[in-house]
Amino acid sequence: MITMLVVHRMVPDPGKPWRYEPYPRLRGAARTAAFVTGGPVMLAAAMADQLAYPVIRRSGRGNAYRVLARKRVR
């Protein structure tokens, strides 16, 4: 996820109507190159996430929202 956000930040989508880009084809090629280059990193991050999921699930500490929102019972 972070890798995808970094790639989006480095090379924004030239097809957005509110973005004026002087060379849209060049920007499109740069965006494609950035995603092709960042693709293996995104794939590795997704695989690491899937491999870590069972370990995190068993430890009981996987959901930050649940830990923050847990009500203390007395």
C-alpha atoms as a PDB file:
ATOM      1  CA  MET A   1       0.000   0.000   0.000  1.00  0.00           C
ATOM      2  CA  ILE A   2       2.735   2.438   0.922  1.00  0.00           C
ATOM      3  CA  THR A   3       4.646   1.595  -2.246  1.00  0.00           C
ATOM      4  CA  MET A   4       1.576   2.311  -4.355  1.00  0.00           C
ATOM      5  CA  LEU A   5       1.046   5.650  -2.607  1.00  0.00           C
ATOM      6  CA  VAL A   6       4.686   6.596  -3.209  1.00  0.00           C
ATOM      7  CA  VAL A   7       4.402   5.741  -6.906  1.00  0.00           C
ATOM      8  CA  HIS A   8       1.171   7.750  -7.177  1.00  0.00           C
ATOM      9  CA  ARG A   9       2.885  10.688  -5.467  1.00  0.00           C
ATOM     10  CA  MET A  10       5.971  10.517  -7.693  1.00  0.00           C
ATOM     11  CA  VAL A  11       4.059  10.260 -10.974  1.00  0.00           C
ATOM     12  CA  PRO A  12       0.455  11.482 -10.652  1.00  0.00           C
ATOM     13  CA  ASP A  13      -2.197  10.391 -13.141  1.00  0.00           C
ATOM     14  CA  PRO A  14      -1.964  12.648 -16.213  1.00  0.00           C
ATOM     15  CA  GLY A  15      -5.535  11.807 -17.249  1.00  0.00           C
ATOM     16  CA  LYS A  16      -7.168  13.801 -14.456  1.00  0.00           C
ATOM     17  CA  PRO A  17      -9.114  16.722 -15.921  1.00  0.00           C
ATOM     18  CA  TRP A  18      -7.946  19.169 -13.238  1.00  0.00           C
ATOM     19  CA  ARG A  19      -4.249  18.420 -13.890  1.00  0.00           C
ATOM     20  CA  TYR A  20      -2.635  20.293 -16.715  1.00  0.00           C
ATOM     21  CA  GLU A  21       0.437  18.460 -17.932  1.00  0.00           C
ATOM     22  CA  PRO A  22       2.404  19.932 -20.846  1.00  0.00           C
ATOM     23  CA  TYR A  23       3.517  16.478 -22.098  1.00  0.00           C
ATOM     24  CA  PRO A  24       0.760  13.969 -21.304  1.00  0.00           C
ATOM     25  CA  ARG A  25       2.276  11.105 -23.321  1.00  0.00           C
ATOM     26  CA  LEU A  26       5.640  11.498 -21.607  1.00  0.00           C
ATOM     27  CA  ARG A  27       3.970  11.595 -18.193  1.00  0.00           C
ATOM     28  CA  GLY A  28       1.907   8.537 -19.097  1.00  0.00           C
ATOM     29  CA  ALA A  29       5.060   6.667 -20.105  1.00  0.00           C
ATOM     30  CA  ALA A  30       6.772   7.736 -16.877  1.00  0.00           C
ATOM     31  CA  ARG A  31       3.766   6.539 -14.861  1.00  0.00           C
ATOM     32  CA  THR A  32       3.786   3.186 -16.634  1.00  0.00           C
ATOM     33  CA  ALA A  33       7.526   2.820 -16.062  1.00  0.00           C
ATOM     34  CA  ALA A  34       7.116   3.684 -12.372  1.00  0.00           C
ATOM     35  CA  PHE A  35       4.394   1.080 -11.901  1.00  0.00           C
ATOM     36  CA  VAL A  36       6.363  -1.571 -13.818  1.00  0.00           C
ATOM     37  CA  THR A  37       9.413  -0.826 -11.680  1.00  0.00           C
ATOM     38  CA  GLY A  38       7.430  -0.674  -8.431  1.00  0.00           C
ATOM     39  CA  GLY A  39       5.307  -3.714  -9.283  1.00  0.00           C
ATOM     40  CA  PRO A  40       7.669  -6.326  -7.847  1.00  0.00           C
ATOM     41  CA  VAL A  41       7.976  -4.304  -4.634  1.00  0.00           C
ATOM     42  CA  MET A  42       4.173  -4.079  -4.381  1.00  0.00           C
ATOM     43  CA  LEU A  43       3.888  -7.816  -5.036  1.00  0.00           C
ATOM     44  CA  ALA A  44       6.505  -8.620  -2.392  1.00  0.00           C
ATOM     45  CA  ALA A  45       4.732  -6.380   0.131  1.00  0.00           C
ATOM     46  CA  ALA A  46       1.380  -8.060  -0.582  1.00  0.00           C
ATOM     47  CA  MET A  47       2.959 -11.509  -0.213  1.00  0.00           C
ATOM     48  CA  ALA A  48       4.622 -10.527   3.078  1.00  0.00           C
ATOM     49  CA  ASP A  49       1.280  -9.227   4.318  1.00  0.00           C
ATOM     50  CA  GLN A  50      -0.446 -12.501   3.459  1.00  0.00           C
ATOM     51  CA  LEU A  51       2.325 -14.568   5.049  1.00  0.00           C
ATOM     52  CA  ALA A  52       2.271 -12.492   8.251  1.00  0.00           C
ATOM     53  CA  TYR A  53      -1.524 -12.571   8.572  1.00  0.00           C
ATOM     54  CA  PRO A  54      -1.812 -15.999  10.290  1.00  0.00           C
ATOM     55  CA  VAL A  55       0.917 -15.097  12.786  1.00  0.00           C
ATOM     56  CA  ILE A  56      -0.679 -11.755  13.598  1.00  0.00           C
ATOM     57  CA  ARG A  57      -4.124 -13.355  13.813  1.00  0.00           C
ATOM     58  CA  ARG A  58      -2.953 -15.990  16.323  1.00  0.00           C
ATOM     59  CA  SER A  59      -1.162 -13.471  18.518  1.00  0.00           C
ATOM     60  CA  GLY A  60      -4.344 -11.484  19.119  1.00  0.00           C
ATOM     61  CA  ARG A  61      -2.642  -8.155  18.454  1.00  0.00           C
ATOM     62  CA  GLY A  62      -3.488  -7.732  14.789  1.00  0.00           C
ATOM     63  CA  ASN A  63      -6.285  -5.195  14.820  1.00  0.00           C
ATOM     64  CA  ALA A  64      -5.166  -1.765  16.037  1.00  0.00           C
ATOM     65  CA  TYR A  65      -8.741  -0.455  16.075  1.00  0.00           C
ATOM     66  CA  ARG A  66      -9.899  -3.265  18.327  1.00  0.00           C
ATOM     67  CA  VAL A  67      -7.011  -2.650  20.721  1.00  0.00           C
ATOM     68  CA  LEU A  68      -7.752   1.088  20.863  1.00  0.00           C
ATOM     69  CA  ALA A  69     -11.517   0.706  21.125  1.00  0.00           C
ATOM     70  CA  ARG A  70     -11.615  -2.086  23.691  1.00  0.00           C
ATOM     71  CA  LYS A  71     -13.684  -1.189  26.731  1.00  0.00           C
ATOM     72  CA  ARG A  72     -12.162  -2.103  30.047  1.00  0.00           C
ATOM     73  CA  VAL A  73     -14.525  -4.262  32.141  1.00  0.00           C
ATOM     74  CA  ARG A  74     -14.211  -4.136  35.914  1.00  0.00           C
END
